[in-house]
N, C-alpha and C. Protein backbone atom coordinates (compact mmCIF):
# COMPACT_ATOMS: atom_id res chain seq x y z
N MET A 1 0.82 -1.18 0.00
CA MET A 1 0.00 0.00 0.00
C MET A 1 0.87 1.25 0.00
N ALA A 2 1.99 1.19 0.68
CA ALA A 2 2.87 2.36 0.75
C ALA A 2 3.40 2.73 -0.63
N ALA A 3 3.64 1.73 -1.46
CA ALA A 3 4.22 1.99 -2.78
C ALA A 3 3.22 2.60 -3.76
N VAL A 4 1.93 2.43 -3.52
CA VAL A 4 0.95 2.90 -4.50
C VAL A 4 0.06 4.02 -3.96
N THR A 5 0.33 4.53 -2.78
CA THR A 5 -0.44 5.64 -2.23
C THR A 5 0.50 6.80 -1.93
N LYS A 6 -0.07 7.99 -1.81
CA LYS A 6 0.74 9.18 -1.53
C LYS A 6 0.40 9.85 -0.20
N THR A 7 -0.81 9.64 0.31
CA THR A 7 -1.21 10.35 1.52
C THR A 7 -1.58 9.45 2.69
N LEU A 8 -1.77 8.18 2.45
CA LEU A 8 -2.16 7.24 3.50
C LEU A 8 -1.04 7.11 4.53
N ARG A 9 -1.37 7.30 5.82
CA ARG A 9 -0.38 7.12 6.89
C ARG A 9 -0.52 5.71 7.45
N PHE A 10 0.57 5.17 7.92
CA PHE A 10 0.59 3.81 8.45
C PHE A 10 0.84 3.86 9.95
N TYR A 11 -0.09 3.30 10.67
CA TYR A 11 -0.03 3.29 12.13
C TYR A 11 -0.31 1.86 12.60
N PRO A 12 0.76 1.08 12.84
CA PRO A 12 0.56 -0.34 13.18
C PRO A 12 0.10 -0.57 14.61
N THR A 13 -0.93 0.13 15.03
CA THR A 13 -1.54 0.03 16.35
C THR A 13 -0.49 0.23 17.46
N VAL A 14 -0.82 -0.12 18.68
CA VAL A 14 0.14 0.01 19.78
C VAL A 14 0.87 -1.32 19.92
N MET A 15 2.18 -1.27 19.80
CA MET A 15 3.00 -2.48 19.89
C MET A 15 3.61 -2.59 21.28
N LYS A 16 3.68 -3.79 21.78
CA LYS A 16 4.39 -4.04 23.04
C LYS A 16 5.88 -4.06 22.70
N VAL A 17 6.50 -2.93 22.82
CA VAL A 17 7.87 -2.74 22.36
C VAL A 17 8.90 -3.58 23.12
N PRO A 18 8.89 -3.65 24.45
CA PRO A 18 9.97 -4.36 25.15
C PRO A 18 10.06 -5.85 24.88
N VAL A 19 9.02 -6.48 24.34
CA VAL A 19 9.10 -7.91 24.06
C VAL A 19 9.64 -8.17 22.65
N ARG A 20 10.02 -7.13 21.95
CA ARG A 20 10.56 -7.26 20.59
C ARG A 20 12.06 -7.02 20.60
N GLN A 21 12.74 -7.54 19.61
CA GLN A 21 14.16 -7.29 19.45
C GLN A 21 14.35 -5.86 18.94
N PRO A 22 15.10 -5.01 19.64
CA PRO A 22 15.22 -3.60 19.27
C PRO A 22 15.68 -3.37 17.83
N LEU A 23 16.71 -4.08 17.38
CA LEU A 23 17.22 -3.83 16.04
C LEU A 23 16.28 -4.32 14.95
N VAL A 24 15.59 -5.42 15.20
CA VAL A 24 14.62 -5.94 14.23
C VAL A 24 13.45 -4.97 14.10
N LEU A 25 12.96 -4.48 15.23
CA LEU A 25 11.86 -3.51 15.21
C LEU A 25 12.28 -2.23 14.50
N ALA A 26 13.47 -1.72 14.82
CA ALA A 26 13.96 -0.48 14.20
C ALA A 26 14.12 -0.66 12.69
N LYS A 27 14.66 -1.80 12.28
CA LYS A 27 14.86 -2.05 10.86
C LYS A 27 13.52 -2.14 10.12
N ALA A 28 12.56 -2.84 10.69
CA ALA A 28 11.25 -2.97 10.05
C ALA A 28 10.57 -1.62 9.93
N LEU A 29 10.61 -0.83 11.00
CA LEU A 29 9.96 0.48 10.96
C LEU A 29 10.68 1.45 10.03
N SER A 30 12.01 1.41 10.02
CA SER A 30 12.73 2.32 9.13
C SER A 30 12.53 1.92 7.67
N SER A 31 12.42 0.63 7.39
CA SER A 31 12.13 0.18 6.02
C SER A 31 10.76 0.68 5.58
N LEU A 32 9.78 0.55 6.45
CA LEU A 32 8.44 1.05 6.13
C LEU A 32 8.45 2.56 5.95
N ALA A 33 9.23 3.26 6.76
CA ALA A 33 9.33 4.72 6.64
C ALA A 33 9.91 5.11 5.28
N VAL A 34 10.92 4.41 4.84
CA VAL A 34 11.54 4.71 3.54
C VAL A 34 10.55 4.44 2.41
N ILE A 35 9.93 3.28 2.44
CA ILE A 35 8.98 2.91 1.39
C ILE A 35 7.80 3.87 1.32
N SER A 36 7.34 4.32 2.48
CA SER A 36 6.13 5.14 2.53
C SER A 36 6.40 6.64 2.48
N GLY A 37 7.65 7.06 2.37
CA GLY A 37 7.95 8.49 2.40
C GLY A 37 7.76 9.06 3.80
N ASN A 38 8.14 8.27 4.79
CA ASN A 38 8.05 8.65 6.21
C ASN A 38 6.61 8.88 6.68
N ARG A 39 5.71 8.06 6.17
CA ARG A 39 4.30 8.15 6.59
C ARG A 39 3.94 7.03 7.56
N VAL A 40 4.81 6.77 8.50
CA VAL A 40 4.58 5.71 9.49
C VAL A 40 4.70 6.30 10.89
N SER A 41 3.84 5.86 11.76
CA SER A 41 3.87 6.28 13.17
C SER A 41 3.83 5.01 14.02
N LEU A 42 4.45 5.08 15.19
CA LEU A 42 4.48 3.93 16.08
C LEU A 42 3.77 4.26 17.38
N GLY A 43 2.84 3.42 17.74
CA GLY A 43 2.24 3.48 19.06
C GLY A 43 3.03 2.51 19.93
N ALA A 44 3.75 3.02 20.90
CA ALA A 44 4.64 2.17 21.70
C ALA A 44 4.08 2.01 23.11
N GLY A 45 4.01 0.78 23.57
CA GLY A 45 3.51 0.50 24.91
C GLY A 45 4.37 -0.53 25.61
N LEU A 46 4.22 -0.60 26.93
CA LEU A 46 4.97 -1.56 27.73
C LEU A 46 4.27 -2.91 27.83
N GLY A 47 2.99 -2.90 28.01
CA GLY A 47 2.23 -4.12 28.21
C GLY A 47 2.21 -4.51 29.68
N PRO A 48 1.03 -4.71 30.26
CA PRO A 48 0.92 -5.00 31.68
C PRO A 48 0.96 -6.48 32.05
N TRP A 49 0.99 -7.36 31.05
CA TRP A 49 0.86 -8.78 31.34
C TRP A 49 2.22 -9.48 31.39
N ARG A 50 2.53 -10.02 32.54
CA ARG A 50 3.79 -10.74 32.76
C ARG A 50 3.93 -11.91 31.78
N GLU A 51 2.82 -12.55 31.43
CA GLU A 51 2.84 -13.71 30.55
C GLU A 51 3.46 -13.38 29.18
N ASP A 52 3.20 -12.18 28.67
CA ASP A 52 3.77 -11.79 27.38
C ASP A 52 5.29 -11.79 27.42
N PHE A 53 5.84 -11.34 28.53
CA PHE A 53 7.28 -11.28 28.68
C PHE A 53 7.86 -12.67 28.90
N THR A 54 7.20 -13.46 29.74
CA THR A 54 7.65 -14.82 30.02
C THR A 54 7.68 -15.64 28.74
N TYR A 55 6.63 -15.55 27.96
CA TYR A 55 6.52 -16.30 26.70
C TYR A 55 7.66 -15.95 25.75
N ASN A 56 8.06 -14.68 25.73
CA ASN A 56 9.11 -14.20 24.83
C ASN A 56 10.50 -14.25 25.43
N GLY A 57 10.62 -14.81 26.65
CA GLY A 57 11.93 -14.94 27.28
C GLY A 57 12.53 -13.63 27.72
N VAL A 58 11.69 -12.68 28.10
CA VAL A 58 12.14 -11.35 28.51
C VAL A 58 11.76 -11.14 29.98
N ALA A 59 12.68 -10.59 30.76
CA ALA A 59 12.43 -10.34 32.18
C ALA A 59 11.42 -9.22 32.35
N PHE A 60 10.28 -9.52 32.97
CA PHE A 60 9.22 -8.54 33.18
C PHE A 60 9.74 -7.34 33.98
N GLU A 61 10.63 -7.60 34.94
CA GLU A 61 11.14 -6.54 35.80
C GLU A 61 12.03 -5.55 35.05
N LYS A 62 12.52 -5.94 33.89
CA LYS A 62 13.41 -5.06 33.11
C LYS A 62 12.68 -4.37 31.96
N ARG A 63 11.34 -4.40 31.97
CA ARG A 63 10.60 -3.87 30.83
C ARG A 63 10.83 -2.38 30.59
N GLY A 64 11.02 -1.60 31.65
CA GLY A 64 11.27 -0.16 31.48
C GLY A 64 12.59 0.09 30.79
N LYS A 65 13.64 -0.59 31.22
CA LYS A 65 14.96 -0.45 30.61
C LYS A 65 14.92 -0.93 29.16
N LEU A 66 14.24 -2.05 28.92
CA LEU A 66 14.13 -2.57 27.56
C LEU A 66 13.35 -1.62 26.66
N MET A 67 12.33 -0.98 27.21
CA MET A 67 11.56 0.01 26.45
C MET A 67 12.48 1.15 26.02
N ASP A 68 13.31 1.64 26.94
CA ASP A 68 14.25 2.71 26.62
C ASP A 68 15.21 2.29 25.51
N GLU A 69 15.74 1.08 25.61
CA GLU A 69 16.68 0.58 24.60
C GLU A 69 16.00 0.48 23.24
N CYS A 70 14.79 -0.05 23.22
CA CYS A 70 14.07 -0.20 21.96
C CYS A 70 13.76 1.16 21.35
N MET A 71 13.32 2.09 22.15
CA MET A 71 12.97 3.40 21.62
C MET A 71 14.21 4.14 21.12
N ASN A 72 15.35 3.96 21.79
CA ASN A 72 16.59 4.56 21.29
C ASN A 72 16.95 4.00 19.93
N ALA A 73 16.79 2.70 19.75
CA ALA A 73 17.08 2.07 18.45
C ALA A 73 16.15 2.59 17.38
N VAL A 74 14.86 2.73 17.71
CA VAL A 74 13.88 3.21 16.74
C VAL A 74 14.17 4.67 16.36
N VAL A 75 14.43 5.50 17.35
CA VAL A 75 14.71 6.92 17.08
C VAL A 75 15.98 7.08 16.26
N ARG A 76 17.00 6.31 16.58
CA ARG A 76 18.25 6.38 15.82
C ARG A 76 18.08 5.90 14.39
N SER A 77 17.07 5.07 14.15
CA SER A 77 16.82 4.59 12.78
C SER A 77 16.13 5.66 11.95
N GLY A 78 15.66 6.73 12.58
CA GLY A 78 15.04 7.82 11.84
C GLY A 78 13.53 7.82 11.89
N VAL A 79 12.91 6.88 12.57
CA VAL A 79 11.45 6.83 12.67
C VAL A 79 11.00 7.65 13.87
N SER A 80 9.98 8.46 13.67
CA SER A 80 9.44 9.25 14.78
C SER A 80 8.43 8.41 15.54
N PRO A 81 8.65 8.19 16.86
CA PRO A 81 7.70 7.37 17.63
C PRO A 81 6.40 8.11 17.87
C-alpha cells in the first residue's frame, strides 16, 4: 500500500515494544518509513501482562529499561515514535 499511495499514513496500532528485538523492530519500521515516504507512526507500549514477557523470554522486571533501549534504536533509525 505504501508503494501505491501518496497520503495514507501507516499506524501499526500500539505495539508491546519491550518484548521485541530492538534492532529488528527499528529495521522494520525504518524500512516502512523509507517505502512510505516517512508516513509511518508507532504506538509504543509496555504491556501490563507478565505472561507476554515470560513467553518471549524477557524479564518482566526489566521492561522499562528494555523500552528505553528499543525506543533509542527506533529513534536512531530515523522513525518518529
